[in-house]
Amino acid sequence: MRTVTTPAAMQAAARMSQLLPSLQTTAGNLIDHGNTLADPHNWEGPKAQVFRGQVWPEVQHALTNLHADLTELAQGITEINRRTAAAGS
């Protein structure tokens, strides 16, 4: 199988590799802060109950999936870059 990688593809992969860690950190931080807000010891009242019971479970699930997907994407890009470099040598 032939491998073709343009400079634009290499640049895009490199840029994604640079951006992914900050996105992973942001997703993790949002999960941490949301969990703090969901704890009734930290926040209580009608809005807190809505957040804890209706809003946060769905958002937490989405953020957890996003974090896992970003980790998988980062690993995939690393492998693509490794294979591209190996094919070019």
C-alpha atoms as a PDB file:
ATOM      1  CA  MET A   1       0.000   0.000   0.000  1.00  0.00           C
ATOM      2  CA  ARG A   2       1.309   3.392  -0.986  1.00  0.00           C
ATOM      3  CA  THR A   3       1.468   6.195   1.561  1.00  0.00           C
ATOM      4  CA  VAL A   4       1.039   9.791   0.455  1.00  0.00           C
ATOM      5  CA  THR A   5       1.354  12.690   2.852  1.00  0.00           C
ATOM      6  CA  THR A   6       1.282  16.280   1.733  1.00  0.00           C
ATOM      7  CA  PRO A   7       2.982  19.080   3.645  1.00  0.00           C
ATOM      8  CA  ALA A   8      -0.494  20.370   4.488  1.00  0.00           C
ATOM      9  CA  ALA A   9      -1.422  17.024   6.070  1.00  0.00           C
ATOM     10  CA  MET A  10       1.813  16.929   8.046  1.00  0.00           C
ATOM     11  CA  GLN A  11       1.256  20.484   9.259  1.00  0.00           C
ATOM     12  CA  ALA A  12      -2.360  19.742  10.228  1.00  0.00           C
ATOM     13  CA  ALA A  13      -1.328  16.640  12.181  1.00  0.00           C
ATOM     14  CA  ALA A  14       1.415  18.559  13.972  1.00  0.00           C
ATOM     15  CA  ARG A  15      -0.958  21.392  14.864  1.00  0.00           C
ATOM     16  CA  MET A  16      -3.580  18.954  16.149  1.00  0.00           C
ATOM     17  CA  SER A  17      -0.895  17.316  18.278  1.00  0.00           C
ATOM     18  CA  GLN A  18      -0.122  20.722  19.766  1.00  0.00           C
ATOM     19  CA  LEU A  19      -3.770  21.598  20.469  1.00  0.00           C
ATOM     20  CA  LEU A  20      -5.002  18.310  21.898  1.00  0.00           C
ATOM     21  CA  PRO A  21      -3.279  18.465  25.303  1.00  0.00           C
ATOM     22  CA  SER A  22      -4.933  21.775  26.169  1.00  0.00           C
ATOM     23  CA  LEU A  23      -8.331  20.441  25.081  1.00  0.00           C
ATOM     24  CA  GLN A  24      -7.812  17.327  27.200  1.00  0.00           C
ATOM     25  CA  THR A  25      -6.851  19.492  30.172  1.00  0.00           C
ATOM     26  CA  THR A  26      -9.882  21.740  29.656  1.00  0.00           C
ATOM     27  CA  ALA A  27     -12.254  18.757  29.494  1.00  0.00           C
ATOM     28  CA  GLY A  28     -10.714  17.321  32.664  1.00  0.00           C
ATOM     29  CA  ASN A  29     -10.954  20.664  34.458  1.00  0.00           C
ATOM     30  CA  LEU A  30     -14.609  21.059  33.469  1.00  0.00           C
ATOM     31  CA  ILE A  31     -15.347  17.604  34.856  1.00  0.00           C
ATOM     32  CA  ASP A  32     -13.586  18.456  38.124  1.00  0.00           C
ATOM     33  CA  HIS A  33     -15.412  21.783  38.521  1.00  0.00           C
ATOM     34  CA  GLY A  34     -18.753  20.264  37.585  1.00  0.00           C
ATOM     35  CA  ASN A  35     -18.270  17.523  40.161  1.00  0.00           C
ATOM     36  CA  THR A  36     -17.566  20.192  42.770  1.00  0.00           C
ATOM     37  CA  LEU A  37     -20.790  21.983  41.869  1.00  0.00           C
ATOM     38  CA  ALA A  38     -22.739  18.713  41.890  1.00  0.00           C
ATOM     39  CA  ASP A  39     -21.723  18.016  45.483  1.00  0.00           C
ATOM     40  CA  PRO A  40     -24.516  19.231  47.796  1.00  0.00           C
ATOM     41  CA  HIS A  41     -21.895  20.074  50.412  1.00  0.00           C
ATOM     42  CA  ASN A  42     -20.607  22.747  48.018  1.00  0.00           C
ATOM     43  CA  TRP A  43     -23.804  24.009  46.405  1.00  0.00           C
ATOM     44  CA  GLU A  44     -27.403  23.544  47.464  1.00  0.00           C
ATOM     45  CA  GLY A  45     -30.714  25.040  46.477  1.00  0.00           C
ATOM     46  CA  PRO A  46     -33.282  24.675  43.697  1.00  0.00           C
ATOM     47  CA  LYS A  47     -30.872  25.552  40.871  1.00  0.00           C
ATOM     48  CA  ALA A  48     -28.219  23.289  42.356  1.00  0.00           C
ATOM     49  CA  GLN A  49     -30.700  20.419  42.446  1.00  0.00           C
ATOM     50  CA  VAL A  50     -31.589  20.957  38.789  1.00  0.00           C
ATOM     51  CA  PHE A  51     -27.902  21.117  37.905  1.00  0.00           C
ATOM     52  CA  ARG A  52     -27.087  17.995  39.913  1.00  0.00           C
ATOM     53  CA  GLY A  53     -30.085  15.946  38.773  1.00  0.00           C
ATOM     54  CA  GLN A  54     -30.738  17.062  35.203  1.00  0.00           C
ATOM     55  CA  VAL A  55     -27.896  19.076  33.722  1.00  0.00           C
ATOM     56  CA  TRP A  56     -24.684  17.665  35.110  1.00  0.00           C
ATOM     57  CA  PRO A  57     -25.190  13.918  34.491  1.00  0.00           C
ATOM     58  CA  GLU A  58     -25.586  14.459  30.748  1.00  0.00           C
ATOM     59  CA  VAL A  59     -22.826  17.057  30.500  1.00  0.00           C
ATOM     60  CA  GLN A  60     -20.462  14.972  32.629  1.00  0.00           C
ATOM     61  CA  HIS A  61     -21.061  11.972  30.364  1.00  0.00           C
ATOM     62  CA  ALA A  62     -20.389  14.061  27.248  1.00  0.00           C
ATOM     63  CA  LEU A  63     -17.212  15.551  28.731  1.00  0.00           C
ATOM     64  CA  THR A  64     -15.963  12.149  29.863  1.00  0.00           C
ATOM     65  CA  ASN A  65     -16.527  10.767  26.358  1.00  0.00           C
ATOM     66  CA  LEU A  66     -14.855  13.828  24.846  1.00  0.00           C
ATOM     67  CA  HIS A  67     -11.816  13.382  27.079  1.00  0.00           C
ATOM     68  CA  ALA A  68     -11.549   9.706  26.089  1.00  0.00           C
ATOM     69  CA  ASP A  69     -12.014  10.542  22.397  1.00  0.00           C
ATOM     70  CA  LEU A  70      -9.349  13.255  22.547  1.00  0.00           C
ATOM     71  CA  THR A  71      -6.937  10.815  24.171  1.00  0.00           C
ATOM     72  CA  GLU A  72      -7.628   8.263  21.432  1.00  0.00           C
ATOM     73  CA  LEU A  73      -7.226  10.940  18.749  1.00  0.00           C
ATOM     74  CA  ALA A  74      -3.899  12.077  20.222  1.00  0.00           C
ATOM     75  CA  GLN A  75      -2.639   8.501  20.209  1.00  0.00           C
ATOM     76  CA  GLY A  76      -3.816   8.048  16.625  1.00  0.00           C
ATOM     77  CA  ILE A  77      -2.103  11.214  15.450  1.00  0.00           C
ATOM     78  CA  THR A  78       1.105  10.171  17.181  1.00  0.00           C
ATOM     79  CA  GLU A  79       0.965   6.841  15.367  1.00  0.00           C
ATOM     80  CA  ILE A  80       0.203   8.518  12.038  1.00  0.00           C
ATOM     81  CA  ASN A  81       3.161  10.859  12.482  1.00  0.00           C
ATOM     82  CA  ARG A  82       5.402   7.922  13.407  1.00  0.00           C
ATOM     83  CA  ARG A  83       4.334   5.902  10.366  1.00  0.00           C
ATOM     84  CA  THR A  84       4.651   8.898   8.066  1.00  0.00           C
ATOM     85  CA  ALA A  85       8.162   9.587   9.278  1.00  0.00           C
ATOM     86  CA  ALA A  86       9.100   5.914   8.883  1.00  0.00           C
ATOM     87  CA  ALA A  87       7.683   5.787   5.364  1.00  0.00           C
ATOM     88  CA  GLY A  88       9.634   8.866   4.340  1.00  0.00           C
ATOM     89  CA  SER A  89      12.981   7.453   5.402  1.00  0.00           C
END
